């Protein structure tokens, strides 16, 4: 029988706080969007479930993800040019 060794709850919370501090989104709902993404990832849950929990629309999260993708492409383009 295989038993999974899950990290202690405090460890998960510390990792979550560290990840939240590393997210570099800009905008008015940054904190809420970051919490949705980090909590879904850490708890192996769906983003949809976390959207309901935090009361955020899926369109808001999509908008932030698209903005970050465009910003990342711009950073990579500038790095190639330089």
C-alpha atoms as a PDB file:
ATOM      1  CA  UNK A   1       0.000   0.000   0.000  1.00  0.00           C
ATOM      2  CA  UNK A   2       1.273   3.440  -0.919  1.00  0.00           C
ATOM      3  CA  UNK A   3       0.735   6.282   1.496  1.00  0.00           C
ATOM      4  CA  UNK A   4       1.212   9.827   0.351  1.00  0.00           C
ATOM      5  CA  UNK A   5       3.092  12.181   2.614  1.00  0.00           C
ATOM      6  CA  UNK A   6       1.365  15.542   2.345  1.00  0.00           C
ATOM      7  CA  UNK A   7       3.114  18.660   3.627  1.00  0.00           C
ATOM      8  CA  UNK A   8       1.983  20.100   6.914  1.00  0.00           C
ATOM      9  CA  UNK A   9      -0.730  22.767   6.621  1.00  0.00           C
ATOM     10  CA  UNK A  10       1.606  25.470   7.940  1.00  0.00           C
ATOM     11  CA  UNK A  11       4.142  24.591   5.238  1.00  0.00           C
ATOM     12  CA  UNK A  12       1.473  24.917   2.548  1.00  0.00           C
ATOM     13  CA  UNK A  13       0.448  28.308   3.942  1.00  0.00           C
ATOM     14  CA  UNK A  14       4.062  29.512   3.961  1.00  0.00           C
ATOM     15  CA  UNK A  15       4.540  28.360   0.374  1.00  0.00           C
ATOM     16  CA  UNK A  16       1.312  30.126  -0.571  1.00  0.00           C
ATOM     17  CA  UNK A  17       2.436  33.406   0.994  1.00  0.00           C
ATOM     18  CA  UNK A  18       5.789  33.176  -0.805  1.00  0.00           C
ATOM     19  CA  UNK A  19       4.093  32.507  -4.153  1.00  0.00           C
ATOM     20  CA  UNK A  20       1.697  35.413  -3.614  1.00  0.00           C
ATOM     21  CA  UNK A  21       4.632  37.729  -3.002  1.00  0.00           C
ATOM     22  CA  UNK A  22       6.241  36.605  -6.274  1.00  0.00           C
ATOM     23  CA  UNK A  23       3.238  37.257  -8.536  1.00  0.00           C
ATOM     24  CA  UNK A  24       3.770  40.517 -10.384  1.00  0.00           C
ATOM     25  CA  UNK A  25       0.366  41.324 -11.860  1.00  0.00           C
ATOM     26  CA  UNK A  26      -0.835  44.920 -12.111  1.00  0.00           C
ATOM     27  CA  UNK A  27      -4.413  46.012 -11.513  1.00  0.00           C
ATOM     28  CA  UNK A  28      -7.191  46.469  -9.008  1.00  0.00           C
ATOM     29  CA  UNK A  29      -8.018  42.795  -8.383  1.00  0.00           C
ATOM     30  CA  UNK A  30      -4.468  41.468  -8.289  1.00  0.00           C
ATOM     31  CA  UNK A  31      -4.655  40.061  -4.789  1.00  0.00           C
ATOM     32  CA  UNK A  32      -7.877  38.152  -5.437  1.00  0.00           C
ATOM     33  CA  UNK A  33      -6.671  36.718  -8.750  1.00  0.00           C
ATOM     34  CA  UNK A  34      -3.355  35.667  -7.207  1.00  0.00           C
ATOM     35  CA  UNK A  35      -5.130  33.955  -4.305  1.00  0.00           C
ATOM     36  CA  UNK A  36      -7.338  32.014  -6.719  1.00  0.00           C
ATOM     37  CA  UNK A  37      -4.398  30.783  -8.779  1.00  0.00           C
ATOM     38  CA  UNK A  38      -2.115  29.946  -5.848  1.00  0.00           C
ATOM     39  CA  UNK A  39      -4.764  28.205  -3.763  1.00  0.00           C
ATOM     40  CA  UNK A  40      -5.941  26.137  -6.739  1.00  0.00           C
ATOM     41  CA  UNK A  41      -2.380  25.050  -7.475  1.00  0.00           C
ATOM     42  CA  UNK A  42      -1.375  24.287  -3.894  1.00  0.00           C
ATOM     43  CA  UNK A  43      -4.539  22.421  -2.994  1.00  0.00           C
ATOM     44  CA  UNK A  44      -4.777  20.589  -6.335  1.00  0.00           C
ATOM     45  CA  UNK A  45      -8.229  22.048  -6.868  1.00  0.00           C
ATOM     46  CA  UNK A  46      -9.858  23.569  -9.926  1.00  0.00           C
ATOM     47  CA  UNK A  47      -9.722  27.262 -10.616  1.00  0.00           C
ATOM     48  CA  UNK A  48     -13.503  27.190 -11.046  1.00  0.00           C
ATOM     49  CA  UNK A  49     -13.996  26.017  -7.450  1.00  0.00           C
ATOM     50  CA  UNK A  50     -11.659  28.711  -6.156  1.00  0.00           C
ATOM     51  CA  UNK A  51     -13.415  31.392  -8.226  1.00  0.00           C
ATOM     52  CA  UNK A  52     -16.632  30.615  -6.379  1.00  0.00           C
ATOM     53  CA  UNK A  53     -14.847  30.606  -3.029  1.00  0.00           C
ATOM     54  CA  UNK A  54     -13.255  34.030  -3.595  1.00  0.00           C
ATOM     55  CA  UNK A  55     -16.232  35.489  -5.476  1.00  0.00           C
ATOM     56  CA  UNK A  56     -14.321  36.414  -8.628  1.00  0.00           C
ATOM     57  CA  UNK A  57     -15.514  36.030 -12.203  1.00  0.00           C
ATOM     58  CA  UNK A  58     -13.697  33.700 -14.557  1.00  0.00           C
ATOM     59  CA  UNK A  59     -13.364  36.591 -17.008  1.00  0.00           C
ATOM     60  CA  UNK A  60     -11.314  38.562 -14.466  1.00  0.00           C
ATOM     61  CA  UNK A  61      -8.806  35.737 -14.089  1.00  0.00           C
ATOM     62  CA  UNK A  62      -8.674  35.277 -17.870  1.00  0.00           C
ATOM     63  CA  UNK A  63      -7.982  38.979 -18.375  1.00  0.00           C
ATOM     64  CA  UNK A  64      -5.064  38.918 -15.928  1.00  0.00           C
ATOM     65  CA  UNK A  65      -3.647  35.766 -17.509  1.00  0.00           C
ATOM     66  CA  UNK A  66      -3.835  37.295 -20.995  1.00  0.00           C
ATOM     67  CA  UNK A  67      -2.182  40.520 -19.826  1.00  0.00           C
ATOM     68  CA  UNK A  68       0.638  38.540 -18.197  1.00  0.00           C
ATOM     69  CA  UNK A  69       1.125  36.435 -21.335  1.00  0.00           C
ATOM     70  CA  UNK A  70       1.448  39.562 -23.483  1.00  0.00           C
ATOM     71  CA  UNK A  71       3.843  41.137 -20.980  1.00  0.00           C
ATOM     72  CA  UNK A  72       5.985  37.980 -20.952  1.00  0.00           C
ATOM     73  CA  UNK A  73       6.178  37.925 -24.753  1.00  0.00           C
ATOM     74  CA  UNK A  74       7.231  41.584 -24.730  1.00  0.00           C
ATOM     75  CA  UNK A  75       9.980  40.892 -22.170  1.00  0.00           C
ATOM     76  CA  UNK A  76      11.278  37.968 -24.256  1.00  0.00           C
ATOM     77  CA  UNK A  77      11.240  40.058 -27.448  1.00  0.00           C
ATOM     78  CA  UNK A  78      13.237  42.821 -25.769  1.00  0.00           C
ATOM     79  CA  UNK A  79      15.744  40.277 -24.459  1.00  0.00           C
ATOM     80  CA  UNK A  80      16.260  38.830 -27.968  1.00  0.00           C
ATOM     81  CA  UNK A  81      16.726  42.288 -29.471  1.00  0.00           C
ATOM     82  CA  UNK A  82      19.236  43.350 -26.820  1.00  0.00           C
END
